[in-house]
Amino acid sequence: MESSPIIPQQVNSNCTVCSTAIVLDNSFCNNCGYPLKGTEEEQNSFLANRMSMEIDLDAHAASMKKAGNSLYWIAGSFTIFGFIMYFMNQEAEDAGFTLGLNIVLSGIFVLLALWSRSKPLTAFIVALTLYGLIIILNAVVDPKSIASGLIIKIFIVTWLIRGMKAAMDAEKIRKVLN
């Protein structure tokens, strides 16, 4: 039993949308889905939809950048709060520890802000988890701390959740575009 030789398909051109090599016999680009043999209306609709997704991606990127910048604000808040607590309670035994802990937390949030540029979803999840853990631990030590700065806490959590949502939406759009 002889097998017939496999004849490779001829690559004749590149896709007009993604520049991937295509075979003219195909109906759609294997990479981006562009309707190679579609009507002009179908091709224009595909291009308009793709352009709309790219605009949405830009909007999500701007939202993620704002959320990433909020991580710097959180870091600054920890530093300022640490120094305020230190100078208000210099005589306290744990004043230096509180200052040091706030500076370490500030450094962690700066690192998360930097990380959010390359892995935004993961960075925002870690930041939200860490911030929630800090709030819980403060509440265990001092239950009154839940109410203090409540508006700021809600604002921070809201920004982090917005960043997470923007990162998830951007990831979905990237998968469709690629």
C-alpha atoms as a PDB file:
ATOM      1  CA  MET A   1       0.000   0.000   0.000  1.00  0.00           C
ATOM      2  CA  GLU A   2       1.592   3.169  -1.198  1.00  0.00           C
ATOM      3  CA  SER A   3       0.704   6.474   0.340  1.00  0.00           C
ATOM      4  CA  SER A   4       0.294   9.407  -1.917  1.00  0.00           C
ATOM      5  CA  PRO A   5       2.778  12.195  -1.384  1.00  0.00           C
ATOM      6  CA  ILE A   6       1.543  15.147   0.615  1.00  0.00           C
ATOM      7  CA  ILE A   7       1.654  18.247  -1.481  1.00  0.00           C
ATOM      8  CA  PRO A   8       2.247  21.338   0.630  1.00  0.00           C
ATOM      9  CA  GLN A   9      -0.126  24.208   0.039  1.00  0.00           C
ATOM     10  CA  GLN A  10       1.446  27.158  -1.655  1.00  0.00           C
ATOM     11  CA  VAL A  11       1.810  30.325   0.384  1.00  0.00           C
ATOM     12  CA  ASN A  12       0.818  33.017  -2.038  1.00  0.00           C
ATOM     13  CA  SER A  13       0.445  36.189  -0.043  1.00  0.00           C
ATOM     14  CA  ASN A  14       0.208  37.840   3.352  1.00  0.00           C
ATOM     15  CA  CYS A  15      -2.948  38.718   5.261  1.00  0.00           C
ATOM     16  CA  THR A  16      -3.809  42.388   4.846  1.00  0.00           C
ATOM     17  CA  VAL A  17      -4.664  42.678   8.550  1.00  0.00           C
ATOM     18  CA  CYS A  18      -1.972  40.763  10.442  1.00  0.00           C
ATOM     19  CA  SER A  19       0.664  40.188   7.709  1.00  0.00           C
ATOM     20  CA  THR A  20       0.731  36.446   8.369  1.00  0.00           C
ATOM     21  CA  ALA A  21       1.534  34.248   5.371  1.00  0.00           C
ATOM     22  CA  ILE A  22      -1.710  32.884   3.919  1.00  0.00           C
ATOM     23  CA  VAL A  23      -2.773  30.349   1.351  1.00  0.00           C
ATOM     24  CA  LEU A  24      -5.121  31.919  -1.172  1.00  0.00           C
ATOM     25  CA  ASP A  25      -7.318  28.812  -1.147  1.00  0.00           C
ATOM     26  CA  ASN A  26      -8.273  29.505   2.495  1.00  0.00           C
ATOM     27  CA  SER A  27     -11.486  31.357   3.252  1.00  0.00           C
ATOM     28  CA  PHE A  28     -10.149  32.938   6.434  1.00  0.00           C
ATOM     29  CA  CYS A  29      -6.742  33.933   7.768  1.00  0.00           C
ATOM     30  CA  ASN A  30      -5.593  31.212  10.145  1.00  0.00           C
ATOM     31  CA  ASN A  31      -4.081  33.812  12.478  1.00  0.00           C
ATOM     32  CA  CYS A  32      -6.619  36.644  12.825  1.00  0.00           C
ATOM     33  CA  GLY A  33      -9.746  35.284  11.145  1.00  0.00           C
ATOM     34  CA  TYR A  34      -9.935  37.921   8.397  1.00  0.00           C
ATOM     35  CA  PRO A  35     -12.453  36.762   5.763  1.00  0.00           C
ATOM     36  CA  LEU A  36     -10.112  36.425   2.776  1.00  0.00           C
ATOM     37  CA  LYS A  37     -12.916  35.354   0.433  1.00  0.00           C
ATOM     38  CA  GLY A  38     -15.628  37.369   2.154  1.00  0.00           C
ATOM     39  CA  THR A  39     -17.624  40.105   0.564  1.00  0.00           C
ATOM     40  CA  GLU A  40     -16.392  43.674   0.800  1.00  0.00           C
ATOM     41  CA  GLU A  41     -19.070  44.282   3.448  1.00  0.00           C
ATOM     42  CA  GLU A  42     -17.855  41.308   5.541  1.00  0.00           C
ATOM     43  CA  GLN A  43     -14.247  42.464   5.264  1.00  0.00           C
ATOM     44  CA  ASN A  44     -15.155  46.050   6.219  1.00  0.00           C
ATOM     45  CA  SER A  45     -17.234  44.781   9.136  1.00  0.00           C
ATOM     46  CA  PHE A  46     -14.300  42.669  10.336  1.00  0.00           C
ATOM     47  CA  LEU A  47     -11.943  45.660  10.116  1.00  0.00           C
ATOM     48  CA  ALA A  48     -14.407  47.968  11.911  1.00  0.00           C
ATOM     49  CA  ASN A  49     -14.906  45.404  14.686  1.00  0.00           C
ATOM     50  CA  ARG A  50     -11.156  44.967  15.052  1.00  0.00           C
ATOM     51  CA  MET A  51     -10.605  48.730  15.190  1.00  0.00           C
ATOM     52  CA  SER A  52     -13.312  49.019  17.847  1.00  0.00           C
ATOM     53  CA  MET A  53     -11.588  46.332  19.930  1.00  0.00           C
ATOM     54  CA  GLU A  54      -8.252  48.144  19.587  1.00  0.00           C
ATOM     55  CA  ILE A  55      -9.878  51.347  20.850  1.00  0.00           C
ATOM     56  CA  ASP A  56     -11.377  49.393  23.769  1.00  0.00           C
ATOM     57  CA  LEU A  57      -7.942  47.926  24.462  1.00  0.00           C
ATOM     58  CA  ASP A  58      -6.472  51.439  24.627  1.00  0.00           C
ATOM     59  CA  ALA A  59      -9.200  52.500  27.072  1.00  0.00           C
ATOM     60  CA  HIS A  60      -8.503  49.480  29.282  1.00  0.00           C
ATOM     61  CA  ALA A  61      -4.772  50.197  29.140  1.00  0.00           C
ATOM     62  CA  ALA A  62      -5.433  53.749  30.369  1.00  0.00           C
ATOM     63  CA  SER A  63      -7.587  52.405  33.186  1.00  0.00           C
ATOM     64  CA  MET A  64      -4.887  49.898  34.165  1.00  0.00           C
ATOM     65  CA  LYS A  65      -2.294  52.684  34.171  1.00  0.00           C
ATOM     66  CA  LYS A  66      -4.457  54.757  36.547  1.00  0.00           C
ATOM     67  CA  ALA A  67      -4.889  51.748  38.819  1.00  0.00           C
ATOM     68  CA  GLY A  68      -1.133  51.126  38.670  1.00  0.00           C
ATOM     69  CA  ASN A  69      -0.538  54.742  39.657  1.00  0.00           C
ATOM     70  CA  SER A  70      -2.882  54.251  42.607  1.00  0.00           C
ATOM     71  CA  LEU A  71      -0.435  51.621  43.863  1.00  0.00           C
ATOM     72  CA  TYR A  72       2.184  54.377  44.089  1.00  0.00           C
ATOM     73  CA  TRP A  73      -0.306  56.486  46.058  1.00  0.00           C
ATOM     74  CA  ILE A  74      -0.906  53.572  48.417  1.00  0.00           C
ATOM     75  CA  ALA A  75       2.855  53.207  48.868  1.00  0.00           C
ATOM     76  CA  GLY A  76       3.186  56.902  49.648  1.00  0.00           C
ATOM     77  CA  SER A  77       0.301  56.685  52.116  1.00  0.00           C
ATOM     78  CA  PHE A  78       2.018  53.886  54.025  1.00  0.00           C
ATOM     79  CA  THR A  79       5.220  55.897  54.224  1.00  0.00           C
ATOM     80  CA  ILE A  80       3.490  59.076  55.398  1.00  0.00           C
ATOM     81  CA  PHE A  81       1.285  57.183  57.845  1.00  0.00           C
ATOM     82  CA  GLY A  82       4.345  55.367  59.218  1.00  0.00           C
ATOM     83  CA  PHE A  83       6.182  58.607  59.914  1.00  0.00           C
ATOM     84  CA  ILE A  84       3.090  60.232  61.438  1.00  0.00           C
ATOM     85  CA  MET A  85       2.588  57.255  63.762  1.00  0.00           C
ATOM     86  CA  TYR A  86       6.285  57.225  64.631  1.00  0.00           C
ATOM     87  CA  PHE A  87       6.420  60.901  65.612  1.00  0.00           C
ATOM     88  CA  MET A  88       3.116  60.718  67.481  1.00  0.00           C
ATOM     89  CA  ASN A  89       4.236  57.685  69.503  1.00  0.00           C
ATOM     90  CA  GLN A  90       8.035  58.019  69.727  1.00  0.00           C
ATOM     91  CA  GLU A  91       8.007  56.895  73.330  1.00  0.00           C
ATOM     92  CA  ALA A  92       6.118  53.701  72.505  1.00  0.00           C
ATOM     93  CA  GLU A  93       8.157  50.523  72.480  1.00  0.00           C
ATOM     94  CA  ASP A  94       6.965  49.502  69.035  1.00  0.00           C
ATOM     95  CA  ALA A  95       7.228  52.938  67.305  1.00  0.00           C
ATOM     96  CA  GLY A  96      10.309  51.939  65.303  1.00  0.00           C
ATOM     97  CA  PHE A  97       8.730  48.617  64.332  1.00  0.00           C
ATOM     98  CA  THR A  98       5.573  50.391  63.093  1.00  0.00           C
ATOM     99  CA  LEU A  99       7.645  52.798  61.007  1.00  0.00           C
ATOM    100  CA  GLY A 100       9.753  49.966  59.580  1.00  0.00           C
ATOM    101  CA  LEU A 101       6.697  47.862  58.770  1.00  0.00           C
ATOM    102  CA  ASN A 102       5.043  50.771  56.960  1.00  0.00           C
ATOM    103  CA  ILE A 103       8.197  51.414  54.940  1.00  0.00           C
ATOM    104  CA  VAL A 104       8.386  47.730  53.976  1.00  0.00           C
ATOM    105  CA  LEU A 105       4.711  47.770  52.943  1.00  0.00           C
ATOM    106  CA  SER A 106       5.377  50.931  50.967  1.00  0.00           C
ATOM    107  CA  GLY A 107       8.225  49.183  49.143  1.00  0.00           C
ATOM    108  CA  ILE A 108       6.002  46.191  48.386  1.00  0.00           C
ATOM    109  CA  PHE A 109       3.344  48.436  46.850  1.00  0.00           C
ATOM    110  CA  VAL A 110       5.989  50.231  44.753  1.00  0.00           C
ATOM    111  CA  LEU A 111       7.137  46.833  43.461  1.00  0.00           C
ATOM    112  CA  LEU A 112       3.515  45.881  42.732  1.00  0.00           C
ATOM    113  CA  ALA A 113       3.074  49.155  40.823  1.00  0.00           C
ATOM    114  CA  LEU A 114       6.134  48.358  38.709  1.00  0.00           C
ATOM    115  CA  TRP A 115       4.948  44.770  38.209  1.00  0.00           C
ATOM    116  CA  SER A 116       1.525  46.021  37.102  1.00  0.00           C
ATOM    117  CA  ARG A 117       3.141  47.334  33.917  1.00  0.00           C
ATOM    118  CA  SER A 118       3.975  43.820  32.726  1.00  0.00           C
ATOM    119  CA  LYS A 119       1.504  41.577  34.611  1.00  0.00           C
ATOM    120  CA  PRO A 120      -1.366  43.876  35.581  1.00  0.00           C
ATOM    121  CA  LEU A 121      -3.983  41.304  36.545  1.00  0.00           C
ATOM    122  CA  THR A 122      -1.656  39.377  38.825  1.00  0.00           C
ATOM    123  CA  ALA A 123      -0.263  42.555  40.384  1.00  0.00           C
ATOM    124  CA  PHE A 124      -3.740  43.951  41.116  1.00  0.00           C
ATOM    125  CA  ILE A 125      -4.915  40.651  42.620  1.00  0.00           C
ATOM    126  CA  VAL A 126      -1.861  40.526  44.887  1.00  0.00           C
ATOM    127  CA  ALA A 127      -2.265  44.213  45.815  1.00  0.00           C
ATOM    128  CA  LEU A 128      -5.961  43.806  46.652  1.00  0.00           C
ATOM    129  CA  THR A 129      -5.273  40.673  48.674  1.00  0.00           C
ATOM    130  CA  LEU A 130      -2.427  42.324  50.563  1.00  0.00           C
ATOM    131  CA  TYR A 131      -4.447  45.469  51.232  1.00  0.00           C
ATOM    132  CA  GLY A 132      -7.391  43.387  52.469  1.00  0.00           C
ATOM    133  CA  LEU A 133      -5.070  41.378  54.704  1.00  0.00           C
ATOM    134  CA  ILE A 134      -3.630  44.579  56.176  1.00  0.00           C
ATOM    135  CA  ILE A 135      -7.125  45.863  56.942  1.00  0.00           C
ATOM    136  CA  ILE A 136      -8.073  42.551  58.587  1.00  0.00           C
ATOM    137  CA  LEU A 137      -4.879  42.376  60.654  1.00  0.00           C
ATOM    138  CA  ASN A 138      -5.345  45.981  61.790  1.00  0.00           C
ATOM    139  CA  ALA A 139      -8.930  45.131  62.790  1.00  0.00           C
ATOM    140  CA  VAL A 140      -7.704  42.173  64.845  1.00  0.00           C
ATOM    141  CA  VAL A 141      -5.204  44.388  66.681  1.00  0.00           C
ATOM    142  CA  ASP A 142      -7.567  47.357  66.993  1.00  0.00           C
ATOM    143  CA  PRO A 143     -11.236  46.828  66.010  1.00  0.00           C
ATOM    144  CA  LYS A 144     -11.760  50.607  65.800  1.00  0.00           C
ATOM    145  CA  SER A 145      -9.357  50.741  62.853  1.00  0.00           C
ATOM    146  CA  ILE A 146     -12.068  49.405  60.531  1.00  0.00           C
ATOM    147  CA  ALA A 147     -13.996  52.669  60.750  1.00  0.00           C
ATOM    148  CA  SER A 148     -10.999  54.999  60.629  1.00  0.00           C
ATOM    149  CA  GLY A 149     -10.260  56.093  57.088  1.00  0.00           C
ATOM    150  CA  LEU A 150     -13.200  54.096  55.755  1.00  0.00           C
ATOM    151  CA  ILE A 151     -13.753  56.382  52.761  1.00  0.00           C
ATOM    152  CA  ILE A 152     -10.084  56.132  51.765  1.00  0.00           C
ATOM    153  CA  LYS A 153     -10.178  52.338  52.165  1.00  0.00           C
ATOM    154  CA  ILE A 154     -13.261  52.112  49.943  1.00  0.00           C
ATOM    155  CA  PHE A 155     -11.599  54.383  47.376  1.00  0.00           C
ATOM    156  CA  ILE A 156      -8.437  52.239  47.306  1.00  0.00           C
ATOM    157  CA  VAL A 157     -10.351  48.960  47.027  1.00  0.00           C
ATOM    158  CA  THR A 158     -12.509  50.432  44.245  1.00  0.00           C
ATOM    159  CA  TRP A 159      -9.436  51.508  42.242  1.00  0.00           C
ATOM    160  CA  LEU A 160      -7.815  48.109  42.644  1.00  0.00           C
ATOM    161  CA  ILE A 161     -10.990  46.325  41.548  1.00  0.00           C
ATOM    162  CA  ARG A 162     -11.273  48.650  38.533  1.00  0.00           C
ATOM    163  CA  GLY A 163      -7.691  47.828  37.639  1.00  0.00           C
ATOM    164  CA  MET A 164      -8.399  44.100  37.907  1.00  0.00           C
ATOM    165  CA  LYS A 165     -11.511  44.413  35.731  1.00  0.00           C
ATOM    166  CA  ALA A 166      -9.651  46.470  33.121  1.00  0.00           C
ATOM    167  CA  ALA A 167      -6.823  43.915  33.083  1.00  0.00           C
ATOM    168  CA  MET A 168      -9.285  41.032  32.619  1.00  0.00           C
ATOM    169  CA  ASP A 169     -11.134  42.857  29.824  1.00  0.00           C
ATOM    170  CA  ALA A 170      -7.875  43.798  28.108  1.00  0.00           C
ATOM    171  CA  GLU A 171      -6.709  40.191  28.276  1.00  0.00           C
ATOM    172  CA  LYS A 172      -9.937  39.013  26.613  1.00  0.00           C
ATOM    173  CA  ILE A 173      -9.538  41.576  23.824  1.00  0.00           C
ATOM    174  CA  ARG A 174      -5.867  40.642  23.290  1.00  0.00           C
ATOM    175  CA  LYS A 175      -6.864  36.994  22.884  1.00  0.00           C
ATOM    176  CA  VAL A 176      -9.442  37.929  20.267  1.00  0.00           C
ATOM    177  CA  LEU A 177      -7.077  40.267  18.414  1.00  0.00           C
ATOM    178  CA  ASN A 178      -4.252  37.740  18.383  1.00  0.00           C
END
